[in-house]
């Protein structure tokens, strides 16, 4: 997917920036990654708090092939098709993904703090 298309797609949610990442793109808002675009598919960030909503909708996790077989990345799940046509649905799902991204960033920051 073209970066300009992604900026337009997520415009109802927020202003985003797009960065190349491996064979796709990462989608950021306020410096927090909340979506990946790989092979023309959009995957949204999820975590323990938001994953049940993705699972309930039957949204598959991001899976990629390696020399040893397939690797599943459970922290990213396919974006619902409705998000491409319905701005309200896009805002809802992108909001869930962004909140998961914020929690992940907070967890990284806490791990960086070392106590004597």
N, C-alpha and C. Protein backbone atom coordinates (compact mmCIF):
# COMPACT_ATOMS: atom_id res chain seq x y z
N UNK A 1 0.84 -1.18 0.00
CA UNK A 1 0.00 0.00 0.00
C UNK A 1 0.88 1.24 0.00
N UNK A 2 0.43 2.20 -0.71
CA UNK A 2 1.13 3.47 -0.85
C UNK A 2 1.06 4.27 0.46
N UNK A 3 2.17 4.87 0.90
CA UNK A 3 2.15 5.67 2.14
C UNK A 3 1.09 6.78 2.13
N UNK A 4 0.89 7.43 0.98
CA UNK A 4 -0.13 8.48 0.91
C UNK A 4 -1.53 7.91 1.15
N UNK A 5 -1.78 6.71 0.62
CA UNK A 5 -3.05 6.05 0.86
C UNK A 5 -3.25 5.80 2.35
N UNK A 6 -2.19 5.36 3.03
CA UNK A 6 -2.28 5.08 4.47
C UNK A 6 -2.55 6.34 5.27
N UNK A 7 -1.91 7.44 4.91
CA UNK A 7 -2.16 8.71 5.58
C UNK A 7 -3.63 9.09 5.42
N UNK A 8 -4.15 8.95 4.22
CA UNK A 8 -5.56 9.26 3.97
C UNK A 8 -6.49 8.28 4.70
N UNK A 9 -6.13 7.01 4.69
CA UNK A 9 -6.95 6.00 5.36
C UNK A 9 -7.14 6.32 6.83
N UNK A 10 -6.03 6.67 7.52
CA UNK A 10 -6.09 6.90 8.96
C UNK A 10 -6.44 8.34 9.33
N UNK A 11 -6.65 9.21 8.36
CA UNK A 11 -6.96 10.62 8.63
C UNK A 11 -8.18 10.80 9.55
N UNK A 12 -9.25 10.01 9.43
CA UNK A 12 -10.37 10.19 10.36
C UNK A 12 -9.99 9.90 11.82
N UNK A 13 -8.96 9.10 12.02
CA UNK A 13 -8.50 8.78 13.37
C UNK A 13 -7.56 9.86 13.89
N UNK A 14 -6.50 10.13 13.14
CA UNK A 14 -5.48 11.08 13.59
C UNK A 14 -4.48 11.33 12.47
N UNK A 15 -3.65 12.32 12.67
CA UNK A 15 -2.53 12.56 11.76
C UNK A 15 -1.50 11.47 12.04
N UNK A 16 -1.07 10.79 10.99
CA UNK A 16 -0.12 9.69 11.15
C UNK A 16 1.12 9.94 10.31
N UNK A 17 2.17 9.23 10.66
CA UNK A 17 3.37 9.21 9.83
C UNK A 17 3.65 7.76 9.46
N UNK A 18 4.26 7.58 8.32
CA UNK A 18 4.52 6.25 7.79
C UNK A 18 6.02 6.09 7.64
N UNK A 19 6.54 4.96 8.10
CA UNK A 19 7.97 4.66 7.94
C UNK A 19 8.14 3.28 7.33
N UNK A 20 9.10 3.17 6.42
CA UNK A 20 9.42 1.87 5.83
C UNK A 20 9.90 0.94 6.93
N UNK A 21 9.51 -0.30 6.81
CA UNK A 21 9.92 -1.29 7.78
C UNK A 21 9.97 -2.64 7.08
N UNK A 22 11.14 -3.20 6.96
CA UNK A 22 11.32 -4.48 6.29
C UNK A 22 10.61 -4.46 4.95
N UNK A 23 9.64 -5.34 4.74
CA UNK A 23 8.95 -5.39 3.44
C UNK A 23 7.63 -4.63 3.47
N UNK A 24 7.45 -3.75 4.42
CA UNK A 24 6.20 -3.02 4.52
C UNK A 24 6.39 -1.65 5.15
N UNK A 25 5.40 -1.25 5.92
CA UNK A 25 5.42 0.06 6.57
C UNK A 25 4.90 -0.06 8.00
N UNK A 26 5.36 0.85 8.84
CA UNK A 26 4.82 1.01 10.19
C UNK A 26 4.06 2.33 10.20
N UNK A 27 2.93 2.34 10.90
CA UNK A 27 2.09 3.53 11.00
C UNK A 27 2.19 4.05 12.42
N UNK A 28 2.53 5.35 12.54
CA UNK A 28 2.76 5.98 13.84
C UNK A 28 1.80 7.15 14.04
N UNK A 29 1.43 7.36 15.29
CA UNK A 29 0.75 8.58 15.71
C UNK A 29 1.45 9.04 16.98
N UNK A 30 1.86 10.29 17.01
CA UNK A 30 2.59 10.84 18.16
C UNK A 30 3.78 9.97 18.56
N UNK A 31 4.47 9.40 17.58
CA UNK A 31 5.66 8.61 17.85
C UNK A 31 5.40 7.19 18.32
N UNK A 32 4.14 6.78 18.35
CA UNK A 32 3.78 5.44 18.82
C UNK A 32 3.29 4.62 17.62
N UNK A 33 3.92 3.46 17.41
CA UNK A 33 3.49 2.59 16.33
C UNK A 33 2.22 1.87 16.77
N UNK A 34 1.20 1.90 15.88
CA UNK A 34 -0.05 1.22 16.21
C UNK A 34 -0.56 0.34 15.07
N UNK A 35 0.15 0.35 13.94
CA UNK A 35 -0.26 -0.50 12.82
C UNK A 35 0.96 -0.86 11.97
N UNK A 36 0.87 -2.03 11.35
CA UNK A 36 1.86 -2.50 10.39
C UNK A 36 1.14 -2.79 9.08
N UNK A 37 1.79 -2.53 7.99
CA UNK A 37 1.24 -2.85 6.69
C UNK A 37 2.26 -3.73 5.98
N UNK A 38 1.87 -4.98 5.78
CA UNK A 38 2.76 -5.97 5.18
C UNK A 38 1.99 -6.68 4.07
N UNK A 39 2.60 -6.78 2.89
CA UNK A 39 1.99 -7.48 1.75
C UNK A 39 0.56 -7.00 1.48
N UNK A 40 0.35 -5.70 1.61
CA UNK A 40 -0.96 -5.13 1.30
C UNK A 40 -2.03 -5.33 2.35
N UNK A 41 -1.66 -5.85 3.50
CA UNK A 41 -2.62 -6.06 4.58
C UNK A 41 -2.26 -5.17 5.75
N UNK A 42 -3.29 -4.65 6.43
CA UNK A 42 -3.10 -3.78 7.57
C UNK A 42 -3.34 -4.59 8.84
N UNK A 43 -2.37 -4.53 9.75
CA UNK A 43 -2.47 -5.20 11.04
C UNK A 43 -2.40 -4.15 12.14
N UNK A 44 -3.31 -4.24 13.10
CA UNK A 44 -3.37 -3.29 14.20
C UNK A 44 -2.78 -3.88 15.46
N UNK A 45 -2.13 -3.04 16.25
CA UNK A 45 -1.52 -3.44 17.51
C UNK A 45 -2.61 -3.87 18.49
N UNK A 46 -2.36 -4.94 19.21
CA UNK A 46 -3.27 -5.35 20.28
C UNK A 46 -2.44 -5.87 21.45
N UNK A 47 -3.09 -5.98 22.58
CA UNK A 47 -2.43 -6.48 23.79
C UNK A 47 -3.45 -7.28 24.59
N UNK A 48 -3.10 -7.65 25.82
CA UNK A 48 -4.01 -8.45 26.63
C UNK A 48 -5.35 -7.76 26.85
N UNK A 49 -5.34 -6.45 26.90
CA UNK A 49 -6.57 -5.71 27.15
C UNK A 49 -7.47 -5.62 25.91
N UNK A 50 -6.88 -5.47 24.74
CA UNK A 50 -7.67 -5.28 23.53
C UNK A 50 -7.83 -6.54 22.68
N UNK A 51 -6.99 -7.53 22.90
CA UNK A 51 -7.02 -8.74 22.10
C UNK A 51 -8.39 -9.43 22.08
N UNK A 52 -9.13 -9.48 23.20
CA UNK A 52 -10.45 -10.14 23.13
C UNK A 52 -11.38 -9.54 22.07
N UNK A 53 -11.32 -8.24 21.84
CA UNK A 53 -12.17 -7.62 20.82
C UNK A 53 -11.77 -8.11 19.43
N UNK A 54 -10.47 -8.23 19.19
CA UNK A 54 -9.98 -8.71 17.89
C UNK A 54 -10.35 -10.19 17.69
N UNK A 55 -10.18 -10.98 18.73
CA UNK A 55 -10.50 -12.41 18.66
C UNK A 55 -12.00 -12.59 18.42
N UNK A 56 -12.83 -11.81 19.12
CA UNK A 56 -14.28 -11.91 18.96
C UNK A 56 -14.72 -11.63 17.53
N UNK A 57 -13.98 -10.78 16.83
CA UNK A 57 -14.28 -10.46 15.44
C UNK A 57 -13.65 -11.45 14.46
N UNK A 58 -12.89 -12.42 14.98
CA UNK A 58 -12.26 -13.42 14.13
C UNK A 58 -11.10 -12.87 13.31
N UNK A 59 -10.43 -11.84 13.83
CA UNK A 59 -9.34 -11.19 13.10
C UNK A 59 -8.03 -11.94 13.34
N UNK A 60 -7.44 -12.41 12.27
CA UNK A 60 -6.25 -13.26 12.33
C UNK A 60 -5.02 -12.47 12.76
N UNK A 61 -4.11 -13.13 13.50
CA UNK A 61 -2.85 -12.49 13.86
C UNK A 61 -1.92 -12.41 12.66
N UNK A 62 -0.92 -11.55 12.79
CA UNK A 62 0.11 -11.42 11.76
C UNK A 62 0.97 -12.67 11.79
N UNK A 63 1.15 -13.30 10.65
CA UNK A 63 1.96 -14.52 10.52
C UNK A 63 2.92 -14.32 9.36
N UNK A 64 4.18 -14.72 9.56
CA UNK A 64 5.15 -14.64 8.47
C UNK A 64 5.97 -15.92 8.44
N UNK A 65 6.49 -16.21 7.26
CA UNK A 65 7.26 -17.43 7.04
C UNK A 65 8.72 -17.21 7.37
N UNK A 66 9.33 -18.22 7.99
CA UNK A 66 10.76 -18.23 8.24
C UNK A 66 11.31 -19.55 7.70
N UNK A 67 12.61 -19.71 7.79
CA UNK A 67 13.21 -20.97 7.34
C UNK A 67 12.73 -22.15 8.17
N UNK A 68 12.34 -21.89 9.39
CA UNK A 68 11.91 -22.96 10.30
C UNK A 68 10.39 -23.14 10.33
N UNK A 69 9.69 -22.42 9.49
CA UNK A 69 8.22 -22.53 9.46
C UNK A 69 7.59 -21.16 9.61
N UNK A 70 6.41 -21.12 10.17
CA UNK A 70 5.69 -19.86 10.34
C UNK A 70 5.86 -19.32 11.74
N UNK A 71 5.92 -18.00 11.84
CA UNK A 71 5.98 -17.31 13.13
C UNK A 71 4.73 -16.44 13.25
N UNK A 72 4.06 -16.56 14.37
CA UNK A 72 2.86 -15.77 14.63
C UNK A 72 3.20 -14.65 15.59
N UNK A 73 2.79 -13.44 15.24
CA UNK A 73 2.99 -12.27 16.08
C UNK A 73 1.61 -11.89 16.62
N UNK A 74 1.31 -12.36 17.81
CA UNK A 74 -0.01 -12.17 18.40
C UNK A 74 -0.32 -10.74 18.79
N UNK A 75 0.69 -9.88 18.81
CA UNK A 75 0.45 -8.49 19.22
C UNK A 75 -0.01 -7.61 18.05
N UNK A 76 -0.20 -8.21 16.88
CA UNK A 76 -0.77 -7.50 15.73
C UNK A 76 -1.80 -8.40 15.08
N UNK A 77 -3.00 -7.84 14.85
CA UNK A 77 -4.08 -8.60 14.21
C UNK A 77 -4.64 -7.81 13.04
N UNK A 78 -5.16 -8.54 12.08
CA UNK A 78 -5.70 -7.93 10.86
C UNK A 78 -6.75 -6.88 11.20
N UNK A 79 -6.72 -5.78 10.47
CA UNK A 79 -7.71 -4.73 10.64
C UNK A 79 -9.02 -5.17 10.00
N UNK A 80 -10.15 -4.92 10.66
CA UNK A 80 -11.44 -5.30 10.05
C UNK A 80 -11.66 -4.60 8.71
N UNK A 81 -12.26 -5.32 7.78
CA UNK A 81 -12.54 -4.77 6.45
C UNK A 81 -13.43 -3.53 6.54
N UNK A 82 -14.33 -3.49 7.51
CA UNK A 82 -15.24 -2.35 7.65
C UNK A 82 -14.49 -1.04 7.83
N UNK A 83 -13.28 -1.09 8.34
CA UNK A 83 -12.49 0.13 8.57
C UNK A 83 -12.13 0.85 7.28
N UNK A 84 -12.14 0.14 6.17
CA UNK A 84 -11.81 0.77 4.89
C UNK A 84 -12.95 1.63 4.36
N UNK A 85 -14.18 1.37 4.83
CA UNK A 85 -15.35 2.08 4.32
C UNK A 85 -16.08 2.90 5.38
N UNK A 86 -15.85 2.62 6.64
CA UNK A 86 -16.63 3.23 7.72
C UNK A 86 -15.68 3.98 8.67
N UNK A 87 -15.73 5.31 8.64
CA UNK A 87 -14.82 6.12 9.45
C UNK A 87 -15.00 5.87 10.94
N UNK A 88 -16.23 5.63 11.37
CA UNK A 88 -16.49 5.37 12.79
C UNK A 88 -15.80 4.07 13.22
N UNK A 89 -15.91 3.05 12.39
CA UNK A 89 -15.23 1.78 12.69
C UNK A 89 -13.72 1.97 12.69
N UNK A 90 -13.21 2.73 11.74
CA UNK A 90 -11.77 2.99 11.70
C UNK A 90 -11.31 3.68 12.98
N UNK A 91 -12.04 4.71 13.41
CA UNK A 91 -11.66 5.41 14.64
C UNK A 91 -11.70 4.47 15.84
N UNK A 92 -12.70 3.61 15.89
CA UNK A 92 -12.81 2.66 17.01
C UNK A 92 -11.61 1.72 17.07
N UNK A 93 -11.34 1.04 15.95
CA UNK A 93 -10.27 0.04 15.93
C UNK A 93 -8.89 0.66 16.02
N UNK A 94 -8.68 1.79 15.34
CA UNK A 94 -7.39 2.47 15.43
C UNK A 94 -7.17 2.99 16.86
N UNK A 95 -8.24 3.42 17.51
CA UNK A 95 -8.13 3.86 18.90
C UNK A 95 -7.71 2.73 19.81
N UNK A 96 -8.29 1.54 19.61
CA UNK A 96 -7.88 0.37 20.40
C UNK A 96 -6.40 0.06 20.16
N UNK A 97 -5.99 0.11 18.90
CA UNK A 97 -4.60 -0.18 18.55
C UNK A 97 -3.65 0.85 19.14
N UNK A 98 -4.03 2.11 19.07
CA UNK A 98 -3.17 3.16 19.62
C UNK A 98 -3.05 3.02 21.13
N UNK A 99 -4.14 2.69 21.81
CA UNK A 99 -4.07 2.51 23.27
C UNK A 99 -3.15 1.34 23.62
N UNK A 100 -3.18 0.28 22.83
CA UNK A 100 -2.27 -0.85 23.06
C UNK A 100 -0.83 -0.42 22.81
N UNK A 101 -0.61 0.40 21.79
CA UNK A 101 0.73 0.92 21.51
C UNK A 101 1.25 1.79 22.64
N UNK A 102 0.37 2.62 23.20
CA UNK A 102 0.77 3.46 24.34
C UNK A 102 1.17 2.61 25.54
N UNK A 103 0.39 1.57 25.82
CA UNK A 103 0.73 0.69 26.94
C UNK A 103 2.06 -0.02 26.70
N UNK A 104 2.30 -0.43 25.46
CA UNK A 104 3.57 -1.09 25.14
C UNK A 104 4.74 -0.13 25.31
N UNK A 105 4.57 1.11 24.89
CA UNK A 105 5.63 2.12 25.06
C UNK A 105 5.89 2.36 26.55
N UNK A 106 4.84 2.42 27.34
CA UNK A 106 4.99 2.61 28.79
C UNK A 106 5.73 1.45 29.43
N UNK A 107 5.44 0.24 28.97
CA UNK A 107 6.13 -0.94 29.50
C UNK A 107 7.60 -0.91 29.14
N UNK A 108 7.93 -0.47 27.92
CA UNK A 108 9.34 -0.36 27.52
C UNK A 108 10.06 0.65 28.39
N UNK A 109 9.42 1.77 28.65
CA UNK A 109 10.04 2.82 29.47
C UNK A 109 10.30 2.31 30.88
N UNK A 110 9.35 1.57 31.43
CA UNK A 110 9.54 1.03 32.79
C UNK A 110 10.67 0.03 32.83
N UNK A 111 10.85 -0.76 31.76
CA UNK A 111 11.94 -1.74 31.74
C UNK A 111 13.31 -1.06 31.65
N UNK A 112 13.34 0.13 31.02
CA UNK A 112 14.61 0.85 30.88
C UNK A 112 15.09 1.45 32.20
N UNK A 113 14.17 1.67 33.12
CA UNK A 113 14.54 2.25 34.41
C UNK A 113 15.17 1.16 35.27
N UNK A 114 16.38 1.39 35.66
CA UNK A 114 17.07 0.39 36.49
C UNK A 114 17.15 0.88 37.92
N UNK A 115 16.92 -0.01 38.80
CA UNK A 115 17.00 0.34 40.21
C UNK A 115 18.29 -0.23 40.78
N UNK A 116 18.93 0.52 41.66
CA UNK A 116 20.20 0.04 42.22
C UNK A 116 20.02 -1.17 43.12
